[in-house]
Amino acid sequence: MPNTLNRPTDVEARAGHRLWLRYVDGTDGEVDLSHLAGRGVFKMWKSPGCFESVRIAPTGGIAWGDDVELCPDALFLRLTGKTLADVMPVAQHSAEIA
């Protein structure tokens, strides 16, 4: 497996502040982000249509407007229930020797 995580290819807003995501390797499913809604920068999601405006940014991040972007790697880990060491064993090895 390469030393990079998968990149998202599709994203869709779902009810209850959930996102459906698909990644390059075919992994897909929903991630619940309701715990973020209404907190800090995520207050913007309370505005009508804002959460639904989600897109994949040129950087590969999951974005709303120009100010809010979530890490696609963190969302992949959350979606799959895997750890960083599961998908990038080299990262674990590097942390051990550092």
PDB file of N, CA and C in Angstrom:
ATOM      1  N   MET A   1       0.860  -1.193   0.000  1.00  0.00           N
ATOM      2  CA  MET A   1       0.000   0.000   0.000  1.00  0.00           C
ATOM      3  C   MET A   1       0.893   1.239   0.000  1.00  0.00           C
ATOM      4  N   PRO A   2       0.562   2.239  -0.818  1.00  0.00           N
ATOM      5  CA  PRO A   2       1.370   3.459  -0.832  1.00  0.00           C
ATOM      6  C   PRO A   2       1.312   4.168   0.514  1.00  0.00           C
ATOM      7  N   ASN A   3       2.244   5.088   0.731  1.00  0.00           N
ATOM      8  CA  ASN A   3       2.333   5.805   1.999  1.00  0.00           C
ATOM      9  C   ASN A   3       1.486   7.064   2.018  1.00  0.00           C
ATOM     10  N   THR A   4       0.374   7.032   1.327  1.00  0.00           N
ATOM     11  CA  THR A   4      -0.582   8.134   1.365  1.00  0.00           C
ATOM     12  C   THR A   4      -1.957   7.533   1.571  1.00  0.00           C
ATOM     13  N   LEU A   5      -2.820   8.294   2.162  1.00  0.00           N
ATOM     14  CA  LEU A   5      -4.196   7.842   2.342  1.00  0.00           C
ATOM     15  C   LEU A   5      -4.977   8.094   1.056  1.00  0.00           C
ATOM     16  N   ASN A   6      -6.147   7.531   0.993  1.00  0.00           N
ATOM     17  CA  ASN A   6      -7.015   7.718  -0.159  1.00  0.00           C
ATOM     18  C   ASN A   6      -7.490   9.153  -0.254  1.00  0.00           C
ATOM     19  N   ARG A   7      -7.800   9.581  -1.442  1.00  0.00           N
ATOM     20  CA  ARG A   7      -8.357  10.906  -1.683  1.00  0.00           C
ATOM     21  C   ARG A   7      -9.848  10.765  -1.950  1.00  0.00           C
ATOM     22  N   PRO A   8     -10.640  11.719  -1.486  1.00  0.00           N
ATOM     23  CA  PRO A   8     -12.078  11.665  -1.762  1.00  0.00           C
ATOM     24  C   PRO A   8     -12.367  11.967  -3.232  1.00  0.00           C
ATOM     25  N   THR A   9     -13.358  11.268  -3.774  1.00  0.00           N
ATOM     26  CA  THR A   9     -13.789  11.527  -5.147  1.00  0.00           C
ATOM     27  C   THR A   9     -15.190  12.125  -5.194  1.00  0.00           C
ATOM     28  N   ASP A  10     -15.995  11.845  -4.164  1.00  0.00           N
ATOM     29  CA  ASP A  10     -17.372  12.339  -4.118  1.00  0.00           C
ATOM     30  C   ASP A  10     -17.744  12.667  -2.680  1.00  0.00           C
ATOM     31  N   VAL A  11     -18.563  13.695  -2.535  1.00  0.00           N
ATOM     32  CA  VAL A  11     -19.098  14.049  -1.217  1.00  0.00           C
ATOM     33  C   VAL A  11     -20.527  14.537  -1.401  1.00  0.00           C
ATOM     34  N   GLU A  12     -21.372  14.172  -0.456  1.00  0.00           N
ATOM     35  CA  GLU A  12     -22.779  14.582  -0.497  1.00  0.00           C
ATOM     36  C   GLU A  12     -23.260  14.837   0.925  1.00  0.00           C
ATOM     37  N   ALA A  13     -23.919  15.972   1.116  1.00  0.00           N
ATOM     38  CA  ALA A  13     -24.504  16.288   2.424  1.00  0.00           C
ATOM     39  C   ALA A  13     -25.746  15.438   2.626  1.00  0.00           C
ATOM     40  N   ARG A  14     -25.908  14.960   3.856  1.00  0.00           N
ATOM     41  CA  ARG A  14     -27.085  14.183   4.227  1.00  0.00           C
ATOM     42  C   ARG A  14     -27.727  14.835   5.448  1.00  0.00           C
ATOM     43  N   ALA A  15     -28.926  14.439   5.755  1.00  0.00           N
ATOM     44  CA  ALA A  15     -29.659  14.999   6.897  1.00  0.00           C
ATOM     45  C   ALA A  15     -28.900  14.748   8.196  1.00  0.00           C
ATOM     46  N   GLY A  16     -29.120  15.643   9.157  1.00  0.00           N
ATOM     47  CA  GLY A  16     -28.530  15.481  10.481  1.00  0.00           C
ATOM     48  C   GLY A  16     -27.037  15.734  10.531  1.00  0.00           C
ATOM     49  N   HIS A  17     -26.535  16.569   9.637  1.00  0.00           N
ATOM     50  CA  HIS A  17     -25.109  16.903   9.568  1.00  0.00           C
ATOM     51  C   HIS A  17     -24.239  15.661   9.378  1.00  0.00           C
ATOM     52  N   ARG A  18     -24.684  14.850   8.434  1.00  0.00           N
ATOM     53  CA  ARG A  18     -23.917  13.663   8.047  1.00  0.00           C
ATOM     54  C   ARG A  18     -23.416  13.881   6.624  1.00  0.00           C
ATOM     55  N   LEU A  19     -22.248  13.329   6.334  1.00  0.00           N
ATOM     56  CA  LEU A  19     -21.697  13.373   4.980  1.00  0.00           C
ATOM     57  C   LEU A  19     -21.570  11.962   4.445  1.00  0.00           C
ATOM     58  N   TRP A  20     -21.931  11.801   3.184  1.00  0.00           N
ATOM     59  CA  TRP A  20     -21.621  10.567   2.475  1.00  0.00           C
ATOM     60  C   TRP A  20     -20.366  10.866   1.655  1.00  0.00           C
ATOM     61  N   LEU A  21     -19.378   9.992   1.779  1.00  0.00           N
ATOM     62  CA  LEU A  21     -18.099  10.176   1.088  1.00  0.00           C
ATOM     63  C   LEU A  21     -17.745   8.924   0.298  1.00  0.00           C
ATOM     64  N   ARG A  22     -17.072   9.116  -0.826  1.00  0.00           N
ATOM     65  CA  ARG A  22     -16.459   8.019  -1.568  1.00  0.00           C
ATOM     66  C   ARG A  22     -15.003   8.404  -1.810  1.00  0.00           C
ATOM     67  N   TYR A  23     -14.140   7.417  -1.632  1.00  0.00           N
ATOM     68  CA  TYR A  23     -12.701   7.613  -1.820  1.00  0.00           C
ATOM     69  C   TYR A  23     -12.199   6.851  -3.042  1.00  0.00           C
ATOM     70  N   VAL A  24     -11.004   7.197  -3.490  1.00  0.00           N
ATOM     71  CA  VAL A  24     -10.393   6.627  -4.684  1.00  0.00           C
ATOM     72  C   VAL A  24     -10.404   5.099  -4.668  1.00  0.00           C
ATOM     73  N   ASP A  25     -10.190   4.486  -3.520  1.00  0.00           N
ATOM     74  CA  ASP A  25     -10.131   3.022  -3.453  1.00  0.00           C
ATOM     75  C   ASP A  25     -11.509   2.366  -3.435  1.00  0.00           C
ATOM     76  N   GLY A  26     -12.584   3.171  -3.537  1.00  0.00           N
ATOM     77  CA  GLY A  26     -13.941   2.632  -3.553  1.00  0.00           C
ATOM     78  C   GLY A  26     -14.612   2.625  -2.190  1.00  0.00           C
ATOM     79  N   THR A  27     -13.868   2.903  -1.131  1.00  0.00           N
ATOM     80  CA  THR A  27     -14.471   2.992   0.195  1.00  0.00           C
ATOM     81  C   THR A  27     -15.511   4.097   0.187  1.00  0.00           C
ATOM     82  N   ASP A  28     -16.702   3.802   0.723  1.00  0.00           N
ATOM     83  CA  ASP A  28     -17.719   4.837   0.823  1.00  0.00           C
ATOM     84  C   ASP A  28     -18.574   4.593   2.055  1.00  0.00           C
ATOM     85  N   GLY A  29     -19.272   5.628   2.454  1.00  0.00           N
ATOM     86  CA  GLY A  29     -20.144   5.541   3.605  1.00  0.00           C
ATOM     87  C   GLY A  29     -20.387   6.898   4.211  1.00  0.00           C
ATOM     88  N   GLU A  30     -21.099   6.906   5.324  1.00  0.00           N
ATOM     89  CA  GLU A  30     -21.471   8.152   5.989  1.00  0.00           C
ATOM     90  C   GLU A  30     -20.624   8.405   7.229  1.00  0.00           C
ATOM     91  N   VAL A  31     -20.357   9.681   7.435  1.00  0.00           N
ATOM     92  CA  VAL A  31     -19.667  10.157   8.629  1.00  0.00           C
ATOM     93  C   VAL A  31     -20.587  11.160   9.310  1.00  0.00           C
ATOM     94  N   ASP A  32     -20.807  10.979  10.593  1.00  0.00           N
ATOM     95  CA  ASP A  32     -21.668  11.860  11.370  1.00  0.00           C
ATOM     96  C   ASP A  32     -20.839  13.014  11.927  1.00  0.00           C
ATOM     97  N   LEU A  33     -21.187  14.218  11.525  1.00  0.00           N
ATOM     98  CA  LEU A  33     -20.489  15.426  12.000  1.00  0.00           C
ATOM     99  C   LEU A  33     -21.375  16.275  12.900  1.00  0.00           C
ATOM    100  N   SER A  34     -22.474  15.709  13.375  1.00  0.00           N
ATOM    101  CA  SER A  34     -23.428  16.488  14.167  1.00  0.00           C
ATOM    102  C   SER A  34     -22.803  17.043  15.448  1.00  0.00           C
ATOM    103  N   HIS A  35     -21.777  16.386  15.962  1.00  0.00           N
ATOM    104  CA  HIS A  35     -21.119  16.874  17.182  1.00  0.00           C
ATOM    105  C   HIS A  35     -20.391  18.204  16.953  1.00  0.00           C
ATOM    106  N   LEU A  36     -20.133  18.559  15.681  1.00  0.00           N
ATOM    107  CA  LEU A  36     -19.468  19.828  15.360  1.00  0.00           C
ATOM    108  C   LEU A  36     -20.453  20.961  15.088  1.00  0.00           C
ATOM    109  N   ALA A  37     -21.643  20.616  14.638  1.00  0.00           N
ATOM    110  CA  ALA A  37     -22.624  21.614  14.218  1.00  0.00           C
ATOM    111  C   ALA A  37     -22.918  22.613  15.338  1.00  0.00           C
ATOM    112  N   GLY A  38     -22.837  23.895  14.987  1.00  0.00           N
ATOM    113  CA  GLY A  38     -23.156  24.954  15.938  1.00  0.00           C
ATOM    114  C   GLY A  38     -22.008  25.346  16.850  1.00  0.00           C
ATOM    115  N   ARG A  39     -20.848  24.719  16.704  1.00  0.00           N
ATOM    116  CA  ARG A  39     -19.699  25.012  17.572  1.00  0.00           C
ATOM    117  C   ARG A  39     -18.606  25.709  16.769  1.00  0.00           C
ATOM    118  N   GLY A  40     -18.065  26.776  17.324  1.00  0.00           N
ATOM    119  CA  GLY A  40     -16.944  27.487  16.683  1.00  0.00           C
ATOM    120  C   GLY A  40     -17.245  27.847  15.241  1.00  0.00           C
ATOM    121  N   VAL A  41     -16.299  27.547  14.352  1.00  0.00           N
ATOM    122  CA  VAL A  41     -16.488  27.885  12.935  1.00  0.00           C
ATOM    123  C   VAL A  41     -17.637  27.114  12.308  1.00  0.00           C
ATOM    124  N   PHE A  42     -18.062  26.028  12.950  1.00  0.00           N
ATOM    125  CA  PHE A  42     -19.141  25.213  12.409  1.00  0.00           C
ATOM    126  C   PHE A  42     -20.529  25.783  12.712  1.00  0.00           C
ATOM    127  N   LYS A  43     -20.578  26.953  13.357  1.00  0.00           N
ATOM    128  CA  LYS A  43     -21.852  27.652  13.547  1.00  0.00           C
ATOM    129  C   LYS A  43     -22.468  27.979  12.192  1.00  0.00           C
ATOM    130  N   MET A  44     -21.607  28.156  11.193  1.00  0.00           N
ATOM    131  CA  MET A  44     -22.087  28.504   9.849  1.00  0.00           C
ATOM    132  C   MET A  44     -23.017  27.436   9.273  1.00  0.00           C
ATOM    133  N   TRP A  45     -22.868  26.181   9.713  1.00  0.00           N
ATOM    134  CA  TRP A  45     -23.717  25.097   9.210  1.00  0.00           C
ATOM    135  C   TRP A  45     -25.177  25.286   9.591  1.00  0.00           C
ATOM    136  N   LYS A  46     -25.461  26.131  10.583  1.00  0.00           N
ATOM    137  CA  LYS A  46     -26.837  26.385  11.004  1.00  0.00           C
ATOM    138  C   LYS A  46     -27.580  27.274  10.007  1.00  0.00           C
ATOM    139  N   SER A  47     -26.830  27.984   9.142  1.00  0.00           N
ATOM    140  CA  SER A  47     -27.460  28.823   8.116  1.00  0.00           C
ATOM    141  C   SER A  47     -28.076  27.926   7.046  1.00  0.00           C
ATOM    142  N   PRO A  48     -29.293  28.252   6.607  1.00  0.00           N
ATOM    143  CA  PRO A  48     -29.962  27.425   5.589  1.00  0.00           C
ATOM    144  C   PRO A  48     -29.087  27.218   4.343  1.00  0.00           C
ATOM    145  N   GLY A  49     -28.937  25.954   3.948  1.00  0.00           N
ATOM    146  CA  GLY A  49     -28.199  25.621   2.737  1.00  0.00           C
ATOM    147  C   GLY A  49     -26.697  25.544   2.886  1.00  0.00           C
ATOM    148  N   CYS A  50     -26.170  25.985   4.003  1.00  0.00           N
ATOM    149  CA  CYS A  50     -24.712  26.020   4.158  1.00  0.00           C
ATOM    150  C   CYS A  50     -24.104  24.619   4.195  1.00  0.00           C
ATOM    151  N   PHE A  51     -24.607  23.755   5.057  1.00  0.00           N
ATOM    152  CA  PHE A  51     -24.030  22.408   5.152  1.00  0.00           C
ATOM    153  C   PHE A  51     -24.125  21.693   3.804  1.00  0.00           C
ATOM    154  N   GLU A  52     -25.218  21.921   3.098  1.00  0.00           N
ATOM    155  CA  GLU A  52     -25.449  21.282   1.803  1.00  0.00           C
ATOM    156  C   GLU A  52     -24.508  21.786   0.712  1.00  0.00           C
ATOM    157  N   SER A  53     -23.811  22.890   0.956  1.00  0.00           N
ATOM    158  CA  SER A  53     -22.894  23.442  -0.048  1.00  0.00           C
ATOM    159  C   SER A  53     -21.513  22.777  -0.023  1.00  0.00           C
ATOM    160  N   VAL A  54     -21.387  21.666   0.673  1.00  0.00           N
ATOM    161  CA  VAL A  54     -20.109  20.965   0.800  1.00  0.00           C
ATOM    162  C   VAL A  54     -19.528  20.618  -0.579  1.00  0.00           C
ATOM    163  N   ARG A  55     -18.205  20.627  -0.643  1.00  0.00           N
ATOM    164  CA  ARG A  55     -17.516  20.307  -1.895  1.00  0.00           C
ATOM    165  C   ARG A  55     -16.133  19.759  -1.569  1.00  0.00           C
ATOM    166  N   ILE A  56     -15.500  19.192  -2.565  1.00  0.00           N
ATOM    167  CA  ILE A  56     -14.102  18.774  -2.430  1.00  0.00           C
ATOM    168  C   ILE A  56     -13.249  19.926  -2.938  1.00  0.00           C
ATOM    169  N   ALA A  57     -12.408  20.455  -2.068  1.00  0.00           N
ATOM    170  CA  ALA A  57     -11.531  21.576  -2.423  1.00  0.00           C
ATOM    171  C   ALA A  57     -10.399  21.080  -3.323  1.00  0.00           C
ATOM    172  N   PRO A  58      -9.747  21.992  -4.033  1.00  0.00           N
ATOM    173  CA  PRO A  58      -8.605  21.598  -4.865  1.00  0.00           C
ATOM    174  C   PRO A  58      -7.488  20.888  -4.072  1.00  0.00           C
ATOM    175  N   THR A  59      -7.420  21.172  -2.781  1.00  0.00           N
ATOM    176  CA  THR A  59      -6.418  20.530  -1.923  1.00  0.00           C
ATOM    177  C   THR A  59      -6.810  19.104  -1.548  1.00  0.00           C
ATOM    178  N   GLY A  60      -8.075  18.721  -1.854  1.00  0.00           N
ATOM    179  CA  GLY A  60      -8.578  17.408  -1.481  1.00  0.00           C
ATOM    180  C   GLY A  60      -9.384  17.426  -0.200  1.00  0.00           C
ATOM    181  N   GLY A  61      -9.383  18.560   0.487  1.00  0.00           N
ATOM    182  CA  GLY A  61     -10.143  18.687   1.725  1.00  0.00           C
ATOM    183  C   GLY A  61     -11.634  18.767   1.460  1.00  0.00           C
ATOM    184  N   ILE A  62     -12.408  18.510   2.488  1.00  0.00           N
ATOM    185  CA  ILE A  62     -13.861  18.622   2.406  1.00  0.00           C
ATOM    186  C   ILE A  62     -14.208  20.013   2.919  1.00  0.00           C
ATOM    187  N   ALA A  63     -14.773  20.850   2.044  1.00  0.00           N
ATOM    188  CA  ALA A  63     -14.857  22.282   2.332  1.00  0.00           C
ATOM    189  C   ALA A  63     -16.261  22.852   2.210  1.00  0.00           C
ATOM    190  N   TRP A  64     -16.426  23.935   2.954  1.00  0.00           N
ATOM    191  CA  TRP A  64     -17.609  24.789   2.897  1.00  0.00           C
ATOM    192  C   TRP A  64     -17.082  26.201   2.748  1.00  0.00           C
ATOM    193  N   GLY A  65     -17.404  26.866   1.660  1.00  0.00           N
ATOM    194  CA  GLY A  65     -16.896  28.213   1.428  1.00  0.00           C
ATOM    195  C   GLY A  65     -15.376  28.206   1.359  1.00  0.00           C
ATOM    196  N   ASP A  66     -14.805  29.347   1.723  1.00  0.00           N
ATOM    197  CA  ASP A  66     -13.341  29.480   1.698  1.00  0.00           C
ATOM    198  C   ASP A  66     -12.713  29.346   3.070  1.00  0.00           C
ATOM    199  N   ASP A  67     -13.535  29.254   4.119  1.00  0.00           N
ATOM    200  CA  ASP A  67     -13.002  29.330   5.468  1.00  0.00           C
ATOM    201  C   ASP A  67     -13.014  28.024   6.268  1.00  0.00           C
ATOM    202  N   VAL A  68     -13.808  27.043   5.857  1.00  0.00           N
ATOM    203  CA  VAL A  68     -13.921  25.811   6.637  1.00  0.00           C
ATOM    204  C   VAL A  68     -13.573  24.613   5.758  1.00  0.00           C
ATOM    205  N   GLU A  69     -12.569  23.855   6.208  1.00  0.00           N
ATOM    206  CA  GLU A  69     -12.133  22.675   5.471  1.00  0.00           C
ATOM    207  C   GLU A  69     -11.743  21.588   6.467  1.00  0.00           C
ATOM    208  N   LEU A  70     -12.249  20.382   6.244  1.00  0.00           N
ATOM    209  CA  LEU A  70     -11.910  19.244   7.087  1.00  0.00           C
ATOM    210  C   LEU A  70     -10.902  18.352   6.359  1.00  0.00           C
ATOM    211  N   CYS A  71     -10.032  17.754   7.124  1.00  0.00           N
ATOM    212  CA  CYS A  71      -8.990  16.881   6.595  1.00  0.00           C
ATOM    213  C   CYS A  71      -9.620  15.597   6.035  1.00  0.00           C
ATOM    214  N   PRO A  72      -9.377  15.299   4.760  1.00  0.00           N
ATOM    215  CA  PRO A  72      -9.954  14.087   4.190  1.00  0.00           C
ATOM    216  C   PRO A  72      -9.376  12.811   4.803  1.00  0.00           C
ATOM    217  N   ASP A  73      -8.141  12.873   5.271  1.00  0.00           N
ATOM    218  CA  ASP A  73      -7.523  11.703   5.908  1.00  0.00           C
ATOM    219  C   ASP A  73      -8.219  11.373   7.227  1.00  0.00           C
ATOM    220  N   ALA A  74      -8.493  12.391   8.021  1.00  0.00           N
ATOM    221  CA  ALA A  74      -9.185  12.180   9.295  1.00  0.00           C
ATOM    222  C   ALA A  74     -10.588  11.634   9.049  1.00  0.00           C
ATOM    223  N   LEU A  75     -11.262  12.129   8.019  1.00  0.00           N
ATOM    224  CA  LEU A  75     -12.595  11.628   7.703  1.00  0.00           C
ATOM    225  C   LEU A  75     -12.535  10.182   7.219  1.00  0.00           C
ATOM    226  N   PHE A  76     -11.500   9.824   6.461  1.00  0.00           N
ATOM    227  CA  PHE A  76     -11.327   8.439   6.009  1.00  0.00           C
ATOM    228  C   PHE A  76     -11.143   7.511   7.208  1.00  0.00           C
ATOM    229  N   LEU A  77     -10.307   7.917   8.159  1.00  0.00           N
ATOM    230  CA  LEU A  77     -10.089   7.102   9.352  1.00  0.00           C
ATOM    231  C   LEU A  77     -11.387   6.945  10.144  1.00  0.00           C
ATOM    232  N   ARG A  78     -12.122   8.019  10.260  1.00  0.00           N
ATOM    233  CA  ARG A  78     -13.394   7.982  10.993  1.00  0.00           C
ATOM    234  C   ARG A  78     -14.403   7.071  10.283  1.00  0.00           C
ATOM    235  N   LEU A  79     -14.444   7.166   8.965  1.00  0.00           N
ATOM    236  CA  LEU A  79     -15.362   6.361   8.166  1.00  0.00           C
ATOM    237  C   LEU A  79     -15.062   4.869   8.284  1.00  0.00           C
ATOM    238  N   THR A  80     -13.789   4.519   8.241  1.00  0.00           N
ATOM    239  CA  THR A  80     -13.400   3.108   8.220  1.00  0.00           C
ATOM    240  C   THR A  80     -13.179   2.523   9.609  1.00  0.00           C
ATOM    241  N   GLY A  81     -12.982   3.386  10.612  1.00  0.00           N
ATOM    242  CA  GLY A  81     -12.674   2.899  11.956  1.00  0.00           C
ATOM    243  C   GLY A  81     -11.234   2.439  12.090  1.00  0.00           C
ATOM    244  N   LYS A  82     -10.420   2.723  11.087  1.00  0.00           N
ATOM    245  CA  LYS A  82      -9.012   2.338  11.119  1.00  0.00           C
ATOM    246  C   LYS A  82      -8.185   3.397  11.824  1.00  0.00           C
ATOM    247  N   THR A  83      -6.975   3.020  12.216  1.00  0.00           N
ATOM    248  CA  THR A  83      -6.029   3.963  12.794  1.00  0.00           C
ATOM    249  C   THR A  83      -5.024   4.363  11.723  1.00  0.00           C
ATOM    250  N   LEU A  84      -4.267   5.406  11.995  1.00  0.00           N
ATOM    251  CA  LEU A  84      -3.222   5.829  11.067  1.00  0.00           C
ATOM    252  C   LEU A  84      -2.229   4.698  10.839  1.00  0.00           C
ATOM    253  N   ALA A  85      -1.888   3.969  11.884  1.00  0.00           N
ATOM    254  CA  ALA A  85      -0.950   2.848  11.757  1.00  0.00           C
ATOM    255  C   ALA A  85      -1.518   1.744  10.862  1.00  0.00           C
ATOM    256  N   ASP A  86      -2.840   1.579  10.855  1.00  0.00           N
ATOM    257  CA  ASP A  86      -3.462   0.572   9.994  1.00  0.00           C
ATOM    258  C   ASP A  86      -3.274   0.893   8.516  1.00  0.00           C
ATOM    259  N   VAL A  87      -3.404   2.162   8.168  1.00  0.00           N
ATOM    260  CA  VAL A  87      -3.364   2.539   6.753  1.00  0.00           C
ATOM    261  C   VAL A  87      -2.010   3.054   6.303  1.00  0.00           C
ATOM    262  N   MET A  88      -1.172   3.440   7.253  1.00  0.00           N
ATOM    263  CA  MET A  88       0.170   3.935   6.928  1.00  0.00           C
ATOM    264  C   MET A  88       1.169   3.365   7.933  1.00  0.00           C
ATOM    265  N   PRO A  89       1.515   2.099   7.816  1.00  0.00           N
ATOM    266  CA  PRO A  89       2.452   1.501   8.777  1.00  0.00           C
ATOM    267  C   PRO A  89       3.778   2.263   8.892  1.00  0.00           C
ATOM    268  N   VAL A  90       4.201   2.905   7.811  1.00  0.00           N
ATOM    269  CA  VAL A  90       5.442   3.663   7.833  1.00  0.00           C
ATOM    270  C   VAL A  90       5.343   4.831   8.816  1.00  0.00           C
ATOM    271  N   ALA A  91       4.158   5.425   8.945  1.00  0.00           N
ATOM    272  CA  ALA A  91       3.975   6.535   9.893  1.00  0.00           C
ATOM    273  C   ALA A  91       4.207   6.051  11.323  1.00  0.00           C
ATOM    274  N   GLN A  92       3.712   4.859  11.649  1.00  0.00           N
ATOM    275  CA  GLN A  92       3.903   4.300  12.974  1.00  0.00           C
ATOM    276  C   GLN A  92       5.394   4.051  13.221  1.00  0.00           C
ATOM    277  N   HIS A  93       6.069   3.482  12.228  1.00  0.00           N
ATOM    278  CA  HIS A  93       7.497   3.195  12.358  1.00  0.00           C
ATOM    279  C   HIS A  93       8.287   4.491  12.537  1.00  0.00           C
ATOM    280  N   SER A  94       7.930   5.522  11.772  1.00  0.00           N
ATOM    281  CA  SER A  94       8.626   6.807  11.879  1.00  0.00           C
ATOM    282  C   SER A  94       8.442   7.414  13.258  1.00  0.00           C
ATOM    283  N   ALA A  95       7.248   7.290  13.829  1.00  0.00           N
ATOM    284  CA  ALA A  95       6.972   7.834  15.159  1.00  0.00           C
ATOM    285  C   ALA A  95       7.781   7.086  16.214  1.00  0.00           C
ATOM    286  N   GLU A  96       7.979   5.800  16.023  1.00  0.00           N
ATOM    287  CA  GLU A  96       8.727   4.996  16.997  1.00  0.00           C
ATOM    288  C   GLU A  96      10.213   5.349  17.027  1.00  0.00           C
ATOM    289  N   ILE A  97      10.776   5.738  15.880  1.00  0.00           N
ATOM    290  CA  ILE A  97      12.210   6.029  15.834  1.00  0.00           C
ATOM    291  C   ILE A  97      12.509   7.490  16.098  1.00  0.00           C
ATOM    292  N   ALA A  98      11.469   8.324  16.135  1.00  0.00           N
ATOM    293  CA  ALA A  98      11.675   9.768  16.348  1.00  0.00           C
ATOM    294  C   ALA A  98      11.999  10.075  17.797  1.00  0.00           C
TER     295      ALA A  98
END
